[in-house]
N, C-alpha and C. Protein backbone atom coordinates (compact mmCIF):
# COMPACT_ATOMS: atom_id res chain seq x y z
N UNK A 1 -19.80 -5.73 -2.24
CA UNK A 1 -18.34 -5.49 -1.76
C UNK A 1 -17.67 -4.73 -2.88
N UNK A 2 -16.70 -3.90 -2.72
CA UNK A 2 -15.87 -3.13 -3.49
C UNK A 2 -14.92 -4.13 -3.95
N UNK A 3 -14.62 -3.85 -5.41
CA UNK A 3 -13.68 -4.51 -6.21
C UNK A 3 -12.03 -4.60 -5.34
N UNK A 4 -11.43 -5.58 -4.97
CA UNK A 4 -10.25 -5.38 -4.29
C UNK A 4 -9.32 -5.53 -5.48
N UNK A 5 -8.32 -4.48 -5.74
CA UNK A 5 -7.44 -4.42 -6.49
C UNK A 5 -6.37 -5.31 -6.29
N UNK A 6 -5.30 -5.76 -7.19
CA UNK A 6 -4.16 -6.57 -6.83
C UNK A 6 -3.05 -5.52 -6.12
N UNK A 7 -2.56 -6.27 -5.23
CA UNK A 7 -1.24 -5.34 -4.83
C UNK A 7 -0.05 -5.53 -5.56
N UNK A 8 0.48 -4.22 -5.85
CA UNK A 8 1.53 -4.08 -6.64
C UNK A 8 2.80 -3.27 -5.84
N UNK A 9 4.14 -4.15 -6.32
CA UNK A 9 5.36 -3.39 -5.59
C UNK A 9 5.33 -2.05 -6.42
N UNK A 10 5.85 -1.08 -5.03
CA UNK A 10 6.25 0.25 -5.32
C UNK A 10 7.44 0.91 -4.91
N UNK A 11 8.20 1.51 -5.60
CA UNK A 11 9.60 1.77 -5.11
C UNK A 11 9.17 3.03 -4.41
N UNK A 12 9.72 2.75 -2.74
CA UNK A 12 9.54 3.93 -1.99
C UNK A 12 10.44 5.02 -2.12
N UNK A 13 11.43 5.53 -3.22
CA UNK A 13 12.29 6.30 -3.31
C UNK A 13 11.67 7.84 -3.28
N UNK A 14 12.12 8.45 -2.76
CA UNK A 14 11.63 9.95 -2.42
C UNK A 14 10.26 9.85 -1.64
N UNK A 15 9.29 10.85 -1.70
CA UNK A 15 8.04 11.08 -0.98
C UNK A 15 7.12 10.04 -1.57
N UNK A 16 6.75 9.43 -0.74
CA UNK A 16 5.30 8.49 -1.16
C UNK A 16 4.27 9.23 -0.85
N UNK A 17 3.62 10.10 -1.35
CA UNK A 17 2.03 10.71 -1.26
C UNK A 17 1.35 10.61 -2.30
N UNK A 18 1.77 10.56 -3.96
CA UNK A 18 1.07 10.87 -5.01
C UNK A 18 0.63 9.52 -5.31
N UNK A 19 -0.47 9.06 -5.78
CA UNK A 19 -0.66 7.74 -6.36
C UNK A 19 -0.35 7.82 -7.75
N UNK A 20 0.49 6.89 -8.27
CA UNK A 20 1.07 6.71 -9.50
C UNK A 20 -0.15 6.30 -10.40
N UNK A 21 -1.23 5.82 -10.16
CA UNK A 21 -2.26 5.26 -10.94
C UNK A 21 -3.01 6.67 -11.44
N UNK A 22 -3.58 7.42 -10.31
CA UNK A 22 -4.49 8.45 -10.71
C UNK A 22 -4.10 9.69 -10.24
N UNK A 23 -2.83 9.67 -9.59
CA UNK A 23 -2.39 11.30 -9.41
C UNK A 23 -3.04 11.64 -8.12
N UNK A 24 -3.99 11.13 -7.46
CA UNK A 24 -4.16 11.70 -6.18
C UNK A 24 -3.10 11.97 -5.17
N UNK A 25 -3.15 13.29 -4.77
CA UNK A 25 -1.93 13.87 -4.06
C UNK A 25 -1.98 14.18 -2.46
N UNK A 26 -2.91 13.45 -1.88
CA UNK A 26 -3.18 13.78 -0.53
C UNK A 26 -3.02 12.57 0.55
N UNK A 27 -1.97 11.76 -0.19
CA UNK A 27 -1.60 10.76 0.90
C UNK A 27 -2.48 9.17 0.65
N UNK A 28 -2.29 8.34 1.28
CA UNK A 28 -2.79 6.95 1.41
C UNK A 28 -3.34 6.68 2.40
N UNK A 29 -4.26 5.55 2.43
CA UNK A 29 -4.52 4.86 3.78
C UNK A 29 -3.62 3.88 3.93
N UNK A 30 -3.20 3.15 5.10
CA UNK A 30 -2.56 2.43 5.35
C UNK A 30 -3.50 0.84 5.93
N UNK A 31 -2.87 -0.11 5.56
CA UNK A 31 -3.46 -1.28 5.81
C UNK A 31 -2.42 -2.23 6.22
N UNK A 32 -2.64 -2.99 7.22
CA UNK A 32 -1.70 -4.14 7.80
C UNK A 32 -2.30 -5.58 7.33
N UNK A 33 -1.63 -6.26 6.42
CA UNK A 33 -2.21 -7.54 6.09
C UNK A 33 -1.78 -8.61 7.36
N UNK A 34 -2.28 -9.77 7.05
CA UNK A 34 -1.96 -10.91 8.13
C UNK A 34 -0.50 -11.28 7.93
N UNK A 35 0.29 -11.87 9.03
CA UNK A 35 1.59 -12.17 8.75
C UNK A 35 1.94 -12.85 7.59
N UNK A 36 3.24 -12.69 7.14
CA UNK A 36 3.43 -13.67 5.99
C UNK A 36 4.87 -14.49 6.43
N UNK A 37 5.24 -15.10 5.56
CA UNK A 37 6.26 -16.20 6.06
C UNK A 37 7.55 -15.42 6.17
N UNK A 38 7.79 -14.11 5.92
CA UNK A 38 8.98 -13.44 6.75
C UNK A 38 9.03 -13.25 8.14
N UNK A 39 7.63 -13.33 8.56
CA UNK A 39 7.56 -13.07 10.08
C UNK A 39 7.19 -11.49 10.35
N UNK A 40 6.31 -11.00 9.53
CA UNK A 40 5.98 -9.59 9.94
C UNK A 40 4.58 -9.59 9.17
N UNK A 41 4.14 -8.40 9.36
CA UNK A 41 2.78 -7.86 9.00
C UNK A 41 3.05 -6.97 7.56
N UNK A 42 2.89 -7.29 6.36
CA UNK A 42 3.17 -6.32 5.39
C UNK A 42 2.07 -5.04 5.52
N UNK A 43 2.82 -4.11 5.25
CA UNK A 43 2.05 -2.85 5.38
C UNK A 43 2.04 -2.30 3.80
N UNK A 44 0.74 -2.37 3.56
CA UNK A 44 0.06 -1.85 2.37
C UNK A 44 -0.41 -0.41 1.95
N UNK A 45 -0.18 0.49 0.99
CA UNK A 45 -0.79 1.47 0.90
C UNK A 45 -1.96 1.50 0.16
N UNK A 46 -3.24 2.00 0.34
CA UNK A 46 -4.33 1.96 -0.22
C UNK A 46 -4.68 3.59 -0.90
N UNK A 47 -4.77 3.71 -2.14
CA UNK A 47 -5.23 5.04 -2.52
C UNK A 47 -6.94 5.20 -2.13
N UNK A 48 -7.07 6.19 -1.47
CA UNK A 48 -8.58 6.41 -1.31
C UNK A 48 -9.22 7.00 -2.28
N UNK A 49 -8.76 7.26 -3.24
CA UNK A 49 -9.51 8.01 -4.55
C UNK A 49 -9.71 6.84 -5.60
N UNK A 50 -8.66 5.98 -5.99
CA UNK A 50 -9.01 5.03 -6.94
C UNK A 50 -9.11 3.45 -6.37
N UNK A 51 -8.76 3.22 -5.45
CA UNK A 51 -8.46 1.89 -4.75
C UNK A 51 -7.03 1.07 -5.07
N UNK A 52 -6.26 1.81 -5.65
CA UNK A 52 -4.82 1.08 -6.11
C UNK A 52 -4.21 0.77 -4.88
N UNK A 53 -3.50 -0.35 -4.73
CA UNK A 53 -3.13 -0.90 -3.57
C UNK A 53 -1.50 -1.16 -3.57
N UNK A 54 -0.69 -0.98 -2.95
CA UNK A 54 0.76 -0.96 -3.13
C UNK A 54 1.68 -1.35 -1.95
N UNK A 55 2.71 -2.24 -2.19
CA UNK A 55 3.51 -2.81 -1.18
C UNK A 55 4.62 -2.06 -1.28
N UNK A 56 5.28 -1.49 -0.33
CA UNK A 56 6.60 -0.92 -0.35
C UNK A 56 7.56 -1.77 0.41
N UNK A 57 7.29 -2.92 0.75
CA UNK A 57 8.39 -3.75 1.14
C UNK A 57 8.56 -3.95 2.81
N UNK A 58 7.53 -2.93 3.24
CA UNK A 58 7.69 -2.59 4.72
C UNK A 58 7.02 -3.79 5.43
N UNK A 59 7.42 -4.27 6.70
CA UNK A 59 6.97 -5.09 7.33
C UNK A 59 7.00 -4.65 8.89
N UNK A 60 5.80 -4.90 9.51
CA UNK A 60 5.87 -4.56 11.05
C UNK A 60 5.63 -5.89 12.03
N UNK A 61 6.45 -5.59 12.99
CA UNK A 61 5.95 -6.80 13.99
C UNK A 61 5.22 -6.65 15.30
N UNK A 62 4.42 -6.94 15.45
CA UNK A 62 3.39 -6.45 16.88
C UNK A 62 3.28 -7.37 17.88
């Protein structure tokens, strides 16, 4: 199994396309986590190059 990197907060100001860790510039994969205590599913961006994961504070209700 791949090493799972910790999820870090990322300020979504401006265009969120380039990974701040490795500089990969072709966008992110999107992952929905289980429901949290706020009542939504956290949306996490994952870098396909280095595996860094970022929470921008987005929540979705399905």
